[in-house]
């Protein structure tokens, strides 16, 4: 089940906070019993869902949510890659760090991580697309509508390498017949 109450909390906690799209944010969360898998860890699927909450807070604080609503645009995840490195167990509190790394002609790239004290537990790179009835909206148009002036910073080399590798991935996937 999607964490609706947590989502509302993220939106309410973001009210009155305003930052530029390139400013990072930090939010705090706890691993509840319903987030835990049979191996007593924060479930990997739940981790990806909880990362949504950080992006929701970032969208609210940067004015992206208001811009999407005003223009009747939507936002979708167009790809991601995740690293799981350290356990988060029941009732542990953790910090989630979220930031927009930049954009290209089609996508916005965001990085998020979950931390316990000084240890990074999980890290995700997300590629998102802003959509309209006509298709994908150019990210530069979106950030300008949000009030950001300036071009995207150069994307880090590791992000560019992921973009290049993803271009090599076949689509649709080549799967053997069952």
Protein backbone atom coordinates (compact mmCIF):
# COMPACT_ATOMS: atom_id res chain seq x y z
CA UNK A 1 0.00 0.00 0.00
CA UNK A 2 1.24 3.47 -0.85
CA UNK A 3 2.16 5.54 2.24
CA UNK A 4 -0.57 8.18 1.83
CA UNK A 5 -0.24 9.54 5.38
CA UNK A 6 3.52 9.93 4.95
CA UNK A 7 2.93 11.65 1.59
CA UNK A 8 0.53 14.16 3.16
CA UNK A 9 3.07 14.75 5.94
CA UNK A 10 5.79 15.45 3.35
CA UNK A 11 3.56 17.97 1.58
CA UNK A 12 2.44 19.70 4.80
CA UNK A 13 6.01 19.84 6.15
CA UNK A 14 7.11 21.53 2.91
CA UNK A 15 4.63 24.40 3.17
CA UNK A 16 6.27 27.78 3.44
CA UNK A 17 9.69 26.43 2.45
CA UNK A 18 11.04 27.77 -0.82
CA UNK A 19 14.27 26.77 -2.48
CA UNK A 20 15.82 26.69 -5.92
CA UNK A 21 15.56 23.47 -7.93
CA UNK A 22 19.30 22.86 -7.48
CA UNK A 23 19.28 23.17 -3.68
CA UNK A 24 19.34 19.83 -1.81
CA UNK A 25 16.81 18.95 0.86
CA UNK A 26 16.90 16.62 3.84
CA UNK A 27 13.93 14.78 5.37
CA UNK A 28 13.69 12.30 8.26
CA UNK A 29 11.87 8.98 8.26
CA UNK A 30 11.47 5.83 10.34
CA UNK A 31 11.24 2.19 9.29
CA UNK A 32 7.89 0.95 10.58
CA UNK A 33 6.87 -2.72 10.98
CA UNK A 34 4.85 -2.63 7.73
CA UNK A 35 7.99 -1.51 5.85
CA UNK A 36 10.01 -4.57 6.89
CA UNK A 37 10.46 -7.71 4.79
CA UNK A 38 10.78 -11.31 6.09
CA UNK A 39 14.55 -10.79 6.48
CA UNK A 40 13.95 -7.99 9.00
CA UNK A 41 15.18 -5.22 6.68
CA UNK A 42 13.51 -2.23 5.14
CA UNK A 43 12.02 -3.87 2.04
CA UNK A 44 13.77 -2.95 -1.22
CA UNK A 45 10.46 -2.08 -2.89
CA UNK A 46 9.49 0.10 0.06
CA UNK A 47 12.85 1.88 -0.18
CA UNK A 48 12.01 2.95 -3.72
CA UNK A 49 8.53 4.04 -2.57
CA UNK A 50 9.98 6.03 0.32
CA UNK A 51 12.32 7.79 -2.09
CA UNK A 52 9.10 9.15 -3.67
CA UNK A 53 8.50 11.09 -0.45
CA UNK A 54 11.80 12.92 -0.80
CA UNK A 55 10.99 13.87 -4.39
CA UNK A 56 7.50 15.00 -3.35
CA UNK A 57 9.04 17.28 -0.72
CA UNK A 58 11.60 18.60 -3.23
CA UNK A 59 8.83 19.27 -5.79
CA UNK A 60 6.75 21.11 -3.20
CA UNK A 61 9.62 23.24 -1.88
CA UNK A 62 10.97 24.22 -5.31
CA UNK A 63 7.62 25.19 -6.80
CA UNK A 64 7.61 22.24 -9.20
CA UNK A 65 4.29 20.96 -7.86
CA UNK A 66 2.62 24.35 -8.36
CA UNK A 67 4.13 24.65 -11.86
CA UNK A 68 2.90 21.19 -12.82
CA UNK A 69 -0.62 21.97 -11.61
CA UNK A 70 -0.72 25.40 -13.28
CA UNK A 71 0.33 23.99 -16.65
CA UNK A 72 -1.54 20.67 -16.33
CA UNK A 73 1.71 18.77 -16.65
CA UNK A 74 2.57 15.48 -15.01
CA UNK A 75 5.82 13.87 -13.94
CA UNK A 76 6.88 10.26 -14.41
CA UNK A 77 9.93 8.21 -13.52
CA UNK A 78 11.59 7.30 -16.80
CA UNK A 79 14.40 5.21 -15.32
CA UNK A 80 16.44 4.59 -12.21
CA UNK A 81 19.35 2.69 -10.79
CA UNK A 82 19.57 1.82 -7.10
CA UNK A 83 22.33 0.66 -4.77
CA UNK A 84 21.52 -1.08 -1.50
CA UNK A 85 24.52 -1.14 0.85
CA UNK A 86 23.55 -1.14 4.54
CA UNK A 87 20.57 -2.47 6.42
CA UNK A 88 17.84 -0.31 7.85
CA UNK A 89 15.87 -2.33 10.38
CA UNK A 90 12.59 -1.88 12.21
CA UNK A 91 12.14 1.40 14.09
CA UNK A 92 15.46 2.82 12.91
CA UNK A 93 15.33 6.49 12.03
CA UNK A 94 17.13 7.64 8.91
CA UNK A 95 17.79 10.80 6.95
CA UNK A 96 16.89 11.03 3.28
CA UNK A 97 18.85 13.48 1.15
CA UNK A 98 17.37 14.54 -2.18
CA UNK A 99 18.74 16.80 -4.87
CA UNK A 100 18.33 17.61 -8.53
CA UNK A 101 21.62 17.07 -10.36
CA UNK A 102 20.51 18.76 -13.57
CA UNK A 103 18.70 18.09 -16.82
CA UNK A 104 19.18 17.47 -20.50
CA UNK A 105 16.81 18.01 -23.46
CA UNK A 106 14.31 15.39 -22.24
CA UNK A 107 14.88 14.40 -18.63
CA UNK A 108 15.57 15.73 -15.13
CA UNK A 109 18.13 13.75 -13.09
CA UNK A 110 17.80 13.47 -9.32
CA UNK A 111 19.90 11.68 -6.75
CA UNK A 112 18.66 10.47 -3.38
CA UNK A 113 20.27 8.66 -0.49
CA UNK A 114 19.28 7.25 2.90
CA UNK A 115 21.66 7.77 5.81
CA UNK A 116 21.99 6.44 9.35
CA UNK A 117 24.45 8.66 11.18
CA UNK A 118 27.43 8.95 8.81
CA UNK A 119 26.70 5.76 6.85
CA UNK A 120 24.97 5.81 3.48
CA UNK A 121 22.57 2.87 3.35
CA UNK A 122 20.92 3.27 -0.05
CA UNK A 123 21.37 5.47 -3.09
CA UNK A 124 19.21 6.00 -6.17
CA UNK A 125 19.60 7.91 -9.42
CA UNK A 126 16.24 8.83 -10.94
CA UNK A 127 15.52 10.08 -14.43
CA UNK A 128 12.17 11.88 -14.57
CA UNK A 129 10.15 13.30 -17.44
CA UNK A 130 7.65 16.13 -17.32
CA UNK A 131 4.71 15.26 -19.53
CA UNK A 132 1.83 17.07 -21.20
CA UNK A 133 -0.92 15.89 -23.53
CA UNK A 134 1.51 16.67 -26.37
CA UNK A 135 4.33 14.52 -24.92
CA UNK A 136 7.51 15.29 -22.99
CA UNK A 137 8.02 18.93 -21.95
CA UNK A 138 11.58 20.23 -22.25
CA UNK A 139 13.08 20.46 -18.74
CA UNK A 140 14.55 23.91 -19.47
CA UNK A 141 11.00 25.16 -20.13
CA UNK A 142 9.85 23.63 -16.84
CA UNK A 143 12.60 25.12 -14.67
CA UNK A 144 12.10 28.53 -16.27
CA UNK A 145 8.37 28.29 -15.50
CA UNK A 146 9.42 27.58 -11.89
CA UNK A 147 11.44 30.82 -11.80
CA UNK A 148 14.91 29.28 -12.15
CA UNK A 149 17.22 31.24 -14.39
CA UNK A 150 20.14 29.53 -15.98
CA UNK A 151 21.12 26.36 -17.72
CA UNK A 152 21.59 22.96 -16.15
CA UNK A 153 24.90 22.33 -14.46
CA UNK A 154 27.01 19.70 -16.19
CA UNK A 155 25.81 16.27 -15.19
CA UNK A 156 28.43 14.27 -13.26
CA UNK A 157 30.48 11.80 -15.30
CA UNK A 158 28.88 8.79 -13.55
CA UNK A 159 25.41 10.05 -14.54
CA UNK A 160 26.53 10.57 -18.14
CA UNK A 161 27.97 7.04 -18.16
CA UNK A 162 24.64 5.65 -16.91
CA UNK A 163 22.78 7.58 -19.63
CA UNK A 164 25.14 6.17 -22.27
CA UNK A 165 24.82 2.62 -20.91
CA UNK A 166 21.04 2.90 -20.83
CA UNK A 167 21.03 3.90 -24.52
CA UNK A 168 22.68 0.53 -25.27
CA UNK A 169 19.96 -1.40 -23.47
CA UNK A 170 17.57 -3.04 -25.96
CA UNK A 171 13.95 -1.93 -26.01
CA UNK A 172 11.72 -3.77 -25.99
CA UNK A 173 13.74 -6.29 -24.01
CA UNK A 174 14.91 -9.42 -25.75
CA UNK A 175 13.29 -12.19 -23.75
CA UNK A 176 13.19 -15.88 -24.62
CA UNK A 177 9.79 -17.36 -25.38
CA UNK A 178 8.24 -19.22 -22.46
